[in-house]
Amino acid sequence: MAYPLRVRETAFELWLKGLCVERIVAHLRASDPACERLSVGAVEAWTRREAWRKRRDQIHRHAQAQLDEARADFEGKVLGDLVKIRQRLAAYCTTKNAPRSLEGGIDSLVKVIRLERQLRDLDKPKAPPIRIAEAQILVVVDKVFDLLQEEPAVRPILERLRGQMARRIVDGIQRPAPEKGAPDP
């Protein structure tokens, strides 16, 4: 007996949900009077003739492609936001109105660069370091030091700590972010 397309599609949807052929037959017999004589053999024939496995795989591939596209869009937006934040922080650190705690401003900049790097490296097993961001932060550090050296009270302190602070900043960029719960070295 030939069954309407709606019955075969309902059977396919139940199969996609994980029901075995016997349960599909029982469900259709109970819910549709046109299926009271439906047999397990008929549904098994539909699975082969209508290539249910191939259709399922196509549905899964399409869904995966949509997820990949949405993920790439999201990552692109987040990365764009991080780049904007980094640029704003770098610009702010080079002004005379730099944060009272220069170290705090630089630490924030380093954290943003780490987040940016982690996002860029999600799909890469071992990506090379982002040299552009490191170069930008070193330029910012030099500008900050130059601005601060204009202040007579700060100049002697900076001359004494410049090398140590620069090493700490570069180490902060190159060192991976600590895992949650792990003590910061």
N, C-alpha and C. Protein backbone atom coordinates (compact mmCIF):
# COMPACT_ATOMS: atom_id res chain seq x y z
N MET A 1 0.84 -1.19 0.00
CA MET A 1 0.00 0.00 0.00
C MET A 1 0.88 1.25 0.00
N ALA A 2 0.52 2.23 -0.79
CA ALA A 2 1.27 3.48 -0.86
C ALA A 2 0.74 4.44 0.20
N TYR A 3 1.67 5.01 0.91
CA TYR A 3 1.30 5.97 1.97
C TYR A 3 1.62 7.38 1.51
N PRO A 4 0.82 8.34 1.98
CA PRO A 4 1.06 9.73 1.55
C PRO A 4 2.43 10.24 2.02
N LEU A 5 2.89 11.27 1.34
CA LEU A 5 4.18 11.88 1.66
C LEU A 5 4.23 12.36 3.11
N ARG A 6 3.13 12.91 3.62
CA ARG A 6 3.13 13.41 5.00
C ARG A 6 3.42 12.30 6.00
N VAL A 7 2.96 11.08 5.73
CA VAL A 7 3.22 9.94 6.62
C VAL A 7 4.69 9.57 6.56
N ARG A 8 5.24 9.51 5.35
CA ARG A 8 6.65 9.17 5.20
C ARG A 8 7.55 10.24 5.83
N GLU A 9 7.18 11.51 5.68
CA GLU A 9 7.96 12.60 6.29
C GLU A 9 7.87 12.55 7.82
N THR A 10 6.69 12.23 8.34
CA THR A 10 6.55 12.09 9.80
C THR A 10 7.42 10.95 10.29
N ALA A 11 7.44 9.85 9.54
CA ALA A 11 8.28 8.71 9.90
C ALA A 11 9.75 9.13 9.88
N PHE A 12 10.15 9.88 8.88
CA PHE A 12 11.54 10.35 8.78
C PHE A 12 11.89 11.24 9.96
N GLU A 13 11.00 12.16 10.32
CA GLU A 13 11.25 13.06 11.46
C GLU A 13 11.39 12.26 12.76
N LEU A 14 10.55 11.25 12.94
CA LEU A 14 10.67 10.40 14.13
C LEU A 14 11.99 9.63 14.12
N TRP A 15 12.40 9.19 12.96
CA TRP A 15 13.68 8.47 12.83
C TRP A 15 14.84 9.41 13.16
N LEU A 16 14.74 10.66 12.70
CA LEU A 16 15.78 11.65 13.02
C LEU A 16 15.88 11.87 14.53
N LYS A 17 14.75 11.77 15.22
CA LYS A 17 14.74 11.97 16.68
C LYS A 17 15.31 10.76 17.41
N GLY A 18 15.57 9.69 16.68
CA GLY A 18 16.22 8.53 17.29
C GLY A 18 15.31 7.33 17.55
N LEU A 19 14.08 7.40 17.10
CA LEU A 19 13.18 6.26 17.30
C LEU A 19 13.56 5.11 16.35
N CYS A 20 13.46 3.90 16.86
CA CYS A 20 13.71 2.74 16.00
C CYS A 20 12.49 2.51 15.11
N VAL A 21 12.66 1.71 14.08
CA VAL A 21 11.59 1.49 13.10
C VAL A 21 10.34 0.93 13.78
N GLU A 22 10.49 0.01 14.71
CA GLU A 22 9.33 -0.57 15.40
C GLU A 22 8.53 0.50 16.15
N ARG A 23 9.21 1.42 16.81
CA ARG A 23 8.52 2.49 17.55
C ARG A 23 7.87 3.50 16.59
N ILE A 24 8.52 3.71 15.46
CA ILE A 24 7.94 4.60 14.45
C ILE A 24 6.61 4.03 13.98
N VAL A 25 6.62 2.75 13.67
CA VAL A 25 5.40 2.08 13.22
C VAL A 25 4.33 2.17 14.29
N ALA A 26 4.68 1.88 15.55
CA ALA A 26 3.71 1.93 16.64
C ALA A 26 3.16 3.35 16.80
N HIS A 27 4.00 4.34 16.72
CA HIS A 27 3.56 5.73 16.87
C HIS A 27 2.60 6.12 15.74
N LEU A 28 2.96 5.79 14.49
CA LEU A 28 2.12 6.15 13.36
C LEU A 28 0.79 5.40 13.39
N ARG A 29 0.80 4.14 13.78
CA ARG A 29 -0.46 3.38 13.89
C ARG A 29 -1.39 4.01 14.92
N ALA A 30 -0.79 4.47 16.03
CA ALA A 30 -1.60 5.05 17.11
C ALA A 30 -2.10 6.45 16.77
N SER A 31 -1.36 7.20 15.97
CA SER A 31 -1.71 8.60 15.75
C SER A 31 -2.41 8.88 14.42
N ASP A 32 -2.34 7.96 13.48
CA ASP A 32 -2.91 8.21 12.15
C ASP A 32 -3.72 7.00 11.70
N PRO A 33 -5.03 7.16 11.53
CA PRO A 33 -5.86 6.02 11.11
C PRO A 33 -5.47 5.44 9.75
N ALA A 34 -4.84 6.27 8.90
CA ALA A 34 -4.42 5.78 7.58
C ALA A 34 -3.24 4.81 7.70
N CYS A 35 -2.64 4.71 8.88
CA CYS A 35 -1.45 3.87 9.06
C CYS A 35 -1.73 2.61 9.87
N GLU A 36 -2.99 2.23 10.02
CA GLU A 36 -3.27 1.07 10.87
C GLU A 36 -2.70 -0.23 10.33
N ARG A 37 -2.43 -0.30 9.02
CA ARG A 37 -1.85 -1.51 8.42
C ARG A 37 -0.37 -1.34 8.09
N LEU A 38 0.23 -0.25 8.58
CA LEU A 38 1.64 0.02 8.31
C LEU A 38 2.51 -1.08 8.92
N SER A 39 3.50 -1.53 8.16
CA SER A 39 4.38 -2.59 8.64
C SER A 39 5.81 -2.08 8.85
N VAL A 40 6.56 -2.83 9.64
CA VAL A 40 7.96 -2.51 9.86
C VAL A 40 8.72 -2.58 8.55
N GLY A 41 8.41 -3.57 7.72
CA GLY A 41 9.06 -3.73 6.42
C GLY A 41 8.86 -2.51 5.53
N ALA A 42 7.67 -1.91 5.59
CA ALA A 42 7.40 -0.73 4.74
C ALA A 42 8.29 0.43 5.17
N VAL A 43 8.40 0.65 6.48
CA VAL A 43 9.23 1.76 6.96
C VAL A 43 10.70 1.47 6.66
N GLU A 44 11.14 0.24 6.82
CA GLU A 44 12.53 -0.10 6.47
C GLU A 44 12.80 0.14 4.99
N ALA A 45 11.81 -0.15 4.15
CA ALA A 45 11.96 0.09 2.71
C ALA A 45 12.08 1.60 2.45
N TRP A 46 11.31 2.41 3.18
CA TRP A 46 11.42 3.87 3.02
C TRP A 46 12.83 4.35 3.38
N THR A 47 13.39 3.77 4.43
CA THR A 47 14.73 4.22 4.85
C THR A 47 15.74 4.00 3.73
N ARG A 48 15.58 2.88 3.01
CA ARG A 48 16.51 2.60 1.92
C ARG A 48 16.15 3.39 0.66
N ARG A 49 14.90 3.29 0.24
CA ARG A 49 14.47 3.89 -1.01
C ARG A 49 14.59 5.42 -0.98
N GLU A 50 14.29 6.03 0.14
CA GLU A 50 14.33 7.50 0.25
C GLU A 50 15.66 8.00 0.83
N ALA A 51 16.59 7.08 1.01
CA ALA A 51 17.96 7.42 1.45
C ALA A 51 17.95 8.30 2.69
N TRP A 52 17.32 7.80 3.76
CA TRP A 52 17.20 8.58 4.99
C TRP A 52 18.57 8.92 5.58
N ARG A 53 19.50 7.99 5.53
CA ARG A 53 20.83 8.27 6.10
C ARG A 53 21.52 9.42 5.35
N LYS A 54 21.41 9.39 4.03
CA LYS A 54 22.01 10.44 3.21
C LYS A 54 21.34 11.78 3.51
N ARG A 55 20.01 11.79 3.63
CA ARG A 55 19.29 13.02 3.97
C ARG A 55 19.71 13.54 5.35
N ARG A 56 19.84 12.62 6.31
CA ARG A 56 20.27 13.01 7.66
C ARG A 56 21.66 13.63 7.63
N ASP A 57 22.56 13.01 6.89
CA ASP A 57 23.93 13.53 6.80
C ASP A 57 23.94 14.92 6.14
N GLN A 58 23.10 15.12 5.12
CA GLN A 58 23.01 16.43 4.48
C GLN A 58 22.47 17.48 5.46
N ILE A 59 21.48 17.11 6.24
CA ILE A 59 20.92 18.02 7.24
C ILE A 59 21.98 18.37 8.27
N HIS A 60 22.73 17.38 8.72
CA HIS A 60 23.79 17.63 9.71
C HIS A 60 24.89 18.52 9.13
N ARG A 61 25.29 18.25 7.87
CA ARG A 61 26.33 19.08 7.25
C ARG A 61 25.86 20.53 7.10
N HIS A 62 24.61 20.69 6.70
CA HIS A 62 24.06 22.04 6.55
C HIS A 62 24.01 22.76 7.90
N ALA A 63 23.55 22.06 8.93
CA ALA A 63 23.48 22.66 10.27
C ALA A 63 24.89 23.01 10.76
N GLN A 64 25.86 22.13 10.52
CA GLN A 64 27.23 22.40 10.94
C GLN A 64 27.80 23.61 10.20
N ALA A 65 27.49 23.72 8.91
CA ALA A 65 27.97 24.87 8.14
C ALA A 65 27.37 26.17 8.68
N GLN A 66 26.09 26.13 9.06
CA GLN A 66 25.46 27.32 9.63
C GLN A 66 26.09 27.68 10.98
N LEU A 67 26.37 26.66 11.79
CA LEU A 67 27.02 26.91 13.08
C LEU A 67 28.42 27.48 12.89
N ASP A 68 29.17 26.92 11.94
CA ASP A 68 30.52 27.42 11.67
C ASP A 68 30.49 28.87 11.20
N GLU A 69 29.52 29.18 10.35
CA GLU A 69 29.39 30.55 9.85
C GLU A 69 29.03 31.51 10.99
N ALA A 70 28.09 31.10 11.83
CA ALA A 70 27.69 31.95 12.96
C ALA A 70 28.86 32.14 13.93
N ARG A 71 29.62 31.07 14.17
CA ARG A 71 30.78 31.17 15.05
C ARG A 71 31.83 32.11 14.48
N ALA A 72 32.09 31.99 13.18
CA ALA A 72 33.08 32.86 12.55
C ALA A 72 32.63 34.32 12.62
N ASP A 73 31.34 34.57 12.39
CA ASP A 73 30.82 35.94 12.50
C ASP A 73 31.00 36.47 13.90
N PHE A 74 30.65 35.65 14.89
CA PHE A 74 30.77 36.07 16.29
C PHE A 74 32.23 36.34 16.65
N GLU A 75 33.12 35.43 16.28
CA GLU A 75 34.54 35.62 16.58
C GLU A 75 35.07 36.87 15.89
N GLY A 76 34.63 37.12 14.66
CA GLY A 76 35.07 38.32 13.95
C GLY A 76 34.62 39.59 14.67
N LYS A 77 33.39 39.58 15.15
CA LYS A 77 32.89 40.76 15.87
C LYS A 77 33.65 40.97 17.17
N VAL A 78 33.87 39.87 17.91
CA VAL A 78 34.59 39.99 19.18
C VAL A 78 36.03 40.45 18.92
N LEU A 79 36.66 39.89 17.91
CA LEU A 79 38.02 40.28 17.59
C LEU A 79 38.08 41.76 17.20
N GLY A 80 37.11 42.21 16.40
CA GLY A 80 37.04 43.62 16.03
C GLY A 80 36.89 44.51 17.26
N ASP A 81 36.04 44.08 18.21
CA ASP A 81 35.86 44.85 19.44
C ASP A 81 37.16 44.90 20.25
N LEU A 82 37.86 43.76 20.33
CA LEU A 82 39.12 43.74 21.07
C LEU A 82 40.17 44.65 20.43
N VAL A 83 40.21 44.66 19.10
CA VAL A 83 41.16 45.53 18.41
C VAL A 83 40.84 46.99 18.73
N LYS A 84 39.55 47.35 18.71
CA LYS A 84 39.15 48.72 19.04
C LYS A 84 39.53 49.07 20.48
N ILE A 85 39.29 48.14 21.40
CA ILE A 85 39.65 48.38 22.80
C ILE A 85 41.16 48.58 22.93
N ARG A 86 41.92 47.71 22.26
CA ARG A 86 43.38 47.82 22.32
C ARG A 86 43.83 49.16 21.78
N GLN A 87 43.27 49.58 20.67
CA GLN A 87 43.67 50.84 20.06
C GLN A 87 43.31 52.02 20.98
N ARG A 88 42.14 51.95 21.60
CA ARG A 88 41.75 53.03 22.52
C ARG A 88 42.65 53.07 23.74
N LEU A 89 42.94 51.89 24.29
CA LEU A 89 43.84 51.85 25.45
C LEU A 89 45.22 52.38 25.09
N ALA A 90 45.71 51.98 23.93
CA ALA A 90 47.04 52.44 23.50
C ALA A 90 47.03 53.95 23.32
N ALA A 91 45.99 54.48 22.70
CA ALA A 91 45.90 55.92 22.51
C ALA A 91 45.80 56.64 23.85
N TYR A 92 45.03 56.09 24.75
CA TYR A 92 44.85 56.73 26.06
C TYR A 92 46.15 56.73 26.86
N CYS A 93 46.89 55.63 26.77
CA CYS A 93 48.14 55.54 27.54
C CYS A 93 49.20 56.52 27.03
N THR A 94 49.03 57.03 25.83
CA THR A 94 50.03 57.95 25.29
C THR A 94 49.66 59.41 25.52
N THR A 95 48.52 59.69 26.12
CA THR A 95 48.14 61.08 26.37
C THR A 95 48.68 61.54 27.70
N LYS A 96 48.63 62.85 27.90
CA LYS A 96 49.07 63.39 29.18
C LYS A 96 48.07 63.04 30.28
N ASN A 97 46.87 62.69 29.90
CA ASN A 97 45.85 62.30 30.87
C ASN A 97 45.88 60.80 31.11
N ALA A 98 47.03 60.20 30.95
CA ALA A 98 47.16 58.75 31.12
C ALA A 98 46.69 58.36 32.52
N PRO A 99 46.35 57.11 32.70
CA PRO A 99 45.85 56.68 34.00
C PRO A 99 46.84 57.01 35.11
N ARG A 100 46.30 57.32 36.27
CA ARG A 100 47.18 57.62 37.41
C ARG A 100 48.10 56.45 37.67
N SER A 101 47.55 55.28 37.47
CA SER A 101 48.38 54.09 37.62
C SER A 101 48.79 53.64 36.24
N LEU A 102 49.93 54.07 35.81
CA LEU A 102 50.44 53.69 34.50
C LEU A 102 50.54 52.18 34.39
N GLU A 103 50.98 51.55 35.46
CA GLU A 103 51.11 50.10 35.46
C GLU A 103 49.76 49.45 35.22
N GLY A 104 48.70 49.99 35.83
CA GLY A 104 47.35 49.44 35.63
C GLY A 104 46.89 49.58 34.20
N GLY A 105 47.19 50.73 33.59
CA GLY A 105 46.81 50.93 32.19
C GLY A 105 47.53 49.96 31.27
N ILE A 106 48.82 49.78 31.54
CA ILE A 106 49.60 48.86 30.71
C ILE A 106 49.15 47.42 30.94
N ASP A 107 48.86 47.07 32.19
CA ASP A 107 48.34 45.72 32.47
C ASP A 107 47.04 45.47 31.72
N SER A 108 46.16 46.47 31.68
CA SER A 108 44.90 46.33 30.93
C SER A 108 45.18 46.11 29.46
N LEU A 109 46.12 46.85 28.92
CA LEU A 109 46.49 46.71 27.52
C LEU A 109 47.04 45.31 27.24
N VAL A 110 47.87 44.81 28.11
CA VAL A 110 48.43 43.47 27.95
C VAL A 110 47.32 42.42 27.99
N LYS A 111 46.35 42.58 28.89
CA LYS A 111 45.24 41.62 28.98
C LYS A 111 44.41 41.62 27.70
N VAL A 112 44.15 42.78 27.15
CA VAL A 112 43.40 42.86 25.90
C VAL A 112 44.17 42.18 24.78
N ILE A 113 45.47 42.39 24.72
CA ILE A 113 46.28 41.75 23.67
C ILE A 113 46.25 40.23 23.85
N ARG A 114 46.29 39.76 25.09
CA ARG A 114 46.21 38.30 25.32
C ARG A 114 44.87 37.75 24.85
N LEU A 115 43.78 38.44 25.17
CA LEU A 115 42.46 37.98 24.73
C LEU A 115 42.39 37.96 23.21
N GLU A 116 42.92 38.99 22.59
CA GLU A 116 42.94 39.05 21.13
C GLU A 116 43.72 37.87 20.55
N ARG A 117 44.87 37.59 21.13
CA ARG A 117 45.71 36.49 20.67
C ARG A 117 44.98 35.15 20.84
N GLN A 118 44.34 34.96 21.99
CA GLN A 118 43.63 33.70 22.22
C GLN A 118 42.52 33.52 21.21
N LEU A 119 41.79 34.58 20.91
CA LEU A 119 40.71 34.48 19.94
C LEU A 119 41.25 34.18 18.54
N ARG A 120 42.34 34.82 18.17
CA ARG A 120 42.94 34.55 16.85
C ARG A 120 43.46 33.12 16.76
N ASP A 121 43.88 32.55 17.87
CA ASP A 121 44.52 31.24 17.87
C ASP A 121 43.55 30.09 18.13
N LEU A 122 42.24 30.34 18.18
CA LEU A 122 41.30 29.28 18.51
C LEU A 122 41.41 28.07 17.59
N ASP A 123 41.53 28.31 16.29
CA ASP A 123 41.54 27.21 15.34
C ASP A 123 42.94 26.78 14.94
N LYS A 124 43.95 27.41 15.53
CA LYS A 124 45.32 27.10 15.14
C LYS A 124 45.98 26.29 16.24
N PRO A 125 46.63 25.17 15.89
CA PRO A 125 47.29 24.38 16.93
C PRO A 125 48.37 25.17 17.66
N LYS A 126 49.28 25.80 16.92
CA LYS A 126 50.33 26.61 17.52
C LYS A 126 50.62 27.75 16.57
N ALA A 127 49.97 28.87 16.82
CA ALA A 127 50.14 30.01 15.93
C ALA A 127 51.35 30.83 16.37
N PRO A 128 52.02 31.48 15.43
CA PRO A 128 53.15 32.35 15.82
C PRO A 128 52.62 33.55 16.60
N PRO A 129 53.45 34.14 17.46
CA PRO A 129 52.99 35.29 18.23
C PRO A 129 52.61 36.46 17.34
N ILE A 130 51.73 37.28 17.83
CA ILE A 130 51.28 38.44 17.07
C ILE A 130 52.28 39.56 17.30
N ARG A 131 53.21 39.70 16.39
CA ARG A 131 54.30 40.66 16.54
C ARG A 131 53.79 42.09 16.38
N ILE A 132 52.74 42.29 15.59
CA ILE A 132 52.25 43.65 15.37
C ILE A 132 51.76 44.24 16.68
N ALA A 133 50.96 43.48 17.43
CA ALA A 133 50.44 43.99 18.70
C ALA A 133 51.57 44.26 19.68
N GLU A 134 52.57 43.38 19.69
CA GLU A 134 53.71 43.59 20.59
C GLU A 134 54.46 44.86 20.20
N ALA A 135 54.64 45.07 18.92
CA ALA A 135 55.34 46.28 18.47
C ALA A 135 54.54 47.52 18.83
N GLN A 136 53.22 47.44 18.68
CA GLN A 136 52.38 48.58 19.02
C GLN A 136 52.48 48.91 20.51
N ILE A 137 52.45 47.90 21.35
CA ILE A 137 52.51 48.19 22.78
C ILE A 137 53.87 48.74 23.16
N LEU A 138 54.93 48.28 22.52
CA LEU A 138 56.25 48.83 22.82
C LEU A 138 56.34 50.30 22.40
N VAL A 139 55.70 50.65 21.28
CA VAL A 139 55.65 52.05 20.86
C VAL A 139 54.90 52.87 21.90
N VAL A 140 53.78 52.31 22.38
CA VAL A 140 53.00 52.99 23.41
C VAL A 140 53.83 53.19 24.67
N VAL A 141 54.54 52.15 25.07
CA VAL A 141 55.36 52.24 26.28
C VAL A 141 56.40 53.34 26.11
N ASP A 142 57.05 53.40 24.96
CA ASP A 142 58.04 54.45 24.72
C ASP A 142 57.41 55.84 24.80
N LYS A 143 56.22 56.00 24.21
CA LYS A 143 55.55 57.30 24.26
C LYS A 143 55.18 57.67 25.69
N VAL A 144 54.70 56.67 26.44
CA VAL A 144 54.34 56.93 27.84
C VAL A 144 55.58 57.35 28.63
N PHE A 145 56.68 56.64 28.44
CA PHE A 145 57.91 57.01 29.14
C PHE A 145 58.36 58.42 28.75
N ASP A 146 58.26 58.75 27.46
CA ASP A 146 58.67 60.09 27.02
C ASP A 146 57.80 61.16 27.66
N LEU A 147 56.48 60.91 27.69
CA LEU A 147 55.58 61.88 28.31
C LEU A 147 55.87 62.03 29.80
N LEU A 148 56.09 60.92 30.45
CA LEU A 148 56.32 60.98 31.89
C LEU A 148 57.67 61.61 32.22
N GLN A 149 58.63 61.49 31.32
CA GLN A 149 59.94 62.09 31.59
C GLN A 149 59.89 63.61 31.53
N GLU A 150 58.83 64.14 30.95
CA GLU A 150 58.67 65.59 30.94
C GLU A 150 58.37 66.13 32.34
N GLU A 151 57.88 65.25 33.21
CA GLU A 151 57.59 65.64 34.59
C GLU A 151 58.87 65.54 35.40
N PRO A 152 59.36 66.65 35.97
CA PRO A 152 60.63 66.62 36.69
C PRO A 152 60.65 65.68 37.88
N ALA A 153 59.52 65.52 38.56
CA ALA A 153 59.50 64.66 39.74
C ALA A 153 59.55 63.18 39.37
N VAL A 154 59.08 62.85 38.20
CA VAL A 154 58.98 61.44 37.78
C VAL A 154 60.25 60.98 37.06
N ARG A 155 60.97 61.90 36.42
CA ARG A 155 62.12 61.54 35.58
C ARG A 155 63.13 60.64 36.29
N PRO A 156 63.60 60.95 37.52
CA PRO A 156 64.60 60.07 38.14
C PRO A 156 64.08 58.66 38.41
N ILE A 157 62.82 58.58 38.78
CA ILE A 157 62.23 57.26 39.06
C ILE A 157 62.16 56.45 37.77
N LEU A 158 61.71 57.08 36.70
CA LEU A 158 61.61 56.39 35.42
C LEU A 158 62.96 55.92 34.90
N GLU A 159 63.96 56.76 35.01
CA GLU A 159 65.28 56.38 34.53
C GLU A 159 65.78 55.14 35.26
N ARG A 160 65.43 55.06 36.53
CA ARG A 160 65.87 53.93 37.32
C ARG A 160 65.05 52.66 36.98
N LEU A 161 63.74 52.81 36.70
CA LEU A 161 62.86 51.64 36.53
C LEU A 161 62.53 51.31 35.08
N ARG A 162 62.96 52.13 34.13
CA ARG A 162 62.56 51.95 32.73
C ARG A 162 62.84 50.55 32.21
N GLY A 163 64.05 50.07 32.37
CA GLY A 163 64.41 48.74 31.87
C GLY A 163 63.59 47.64 32.52
N GLN A 164 63.44 47.73 33.84
CA GLN A 164 62.67 46.72 34.58
C GLN A 164 61.21 46.72 34.13
N MET A 165 60.60 47.90 33.96
CA MET A 165 59.20 47.98 33.54
C MET A 165 59.03 47.46 32.11
N ALA A 166 59.97 47.81 31.23
CA ALA A 166 59.87 47.35 29.84
C ALA A 166 59.96 45.83 29.77
N ARG A 167 60.88 45.24 30.55
CA ARG A 167 60.99 43.77 30.57
C ARG A 167 59.69 43.15 31.08
N ARG A 168 59.13 43.74 32.11
CA ARG A 168 57.89 43.22 32.71
C ARG A 168 56.74 43.29 31.71
N ILE A 169 56.68 44.35 30.96
CA ILE A 169 55.62 44.50 29.97
C ILE A 169 55.77 43.47 28.86
N VAL A 170 56.97 43.35 28.32
CA VAL A 170 57.22 42.37 27.24
C VAL A 170 56.98 40.95 27.75
N ASP A 171 57.43 40.65 28.96
CA ASP A 171 57.17 39.32 29.54
C ASP A 171 55.68 39.09 29.69
N GLY A 172 54.95 40.12 30.05
CA GLY A 172 53.50 40.00 30.20
C GLY A 172 52.80 39.69 28.90
N ILE A 173 53.34 40.22 27.81
CA ILE A 173 52.76 39.94 26.49
C ILE A 173 53.08 38.51 26.06
N GLN A 174 54.31 38.09 26.28
CA GLN A 174 54.74 36.79 25.77
C GLN A 174 54.28 35.63 26.64
N ARG A 175 54.06 35.88 27.93
CA ARG A 175 53.65 34.82 28.84
C ARG A 175 52.18 34.52 28.62
N PRO A 176 51.78 33.23 28.51
CA PRO A 176 50.37 32.93 28.34
C PRO A 176 49.59 33.33 29.60
N ALA A 177 48.31 33.62 29.37
CA ALA A 177 47.46 34.00 30.50
C ALA A 177 47.34 32.82 31.46
N PRO A 178 47.37 33.08 32.78
CA PRO A 178 47.24 31.98 33.73
C PRO A 178 45.86 31.36 33.68
N GLU A 179 45.81 30.06 33.95
CA GLU A 179 44.52 29.37 33.96
C GLU A 179 43.76 29.83 35.19
N LYS A 180 42.42 29.71 35.10
CA LYS A 180 41.60 30.09 36.23
C LYS A 180 41.94 29.24 37.43
N GLY A 181 42.07 29.90 38.55
CA GLY A 181 42.37 29.18 39.79
C GLY A 181 43.85 28.96 40.02
N ALA A 182 44.65 29.17 38.98
CA ALA A 182 46.09 28.96 39.12
C ALA A 182 46.71 30.21 39.71
N PRO A 183 47.70 30.09 40.58
CA PRO A 183 48.34 31.28 41.15
C PRO A 183 49.13 32.01 40.07
N ASP A 184 49.11 33.34 40.12
CA ASP A 184 49.86 34.15 39.17
C ASP A 184 51.31 34.21 39.60
N PRO A 185 52.27 33.86 38.71
CA PRO A 185 53.69 33.82 39.11
C PRO A 185 54.24 35.19 39.42
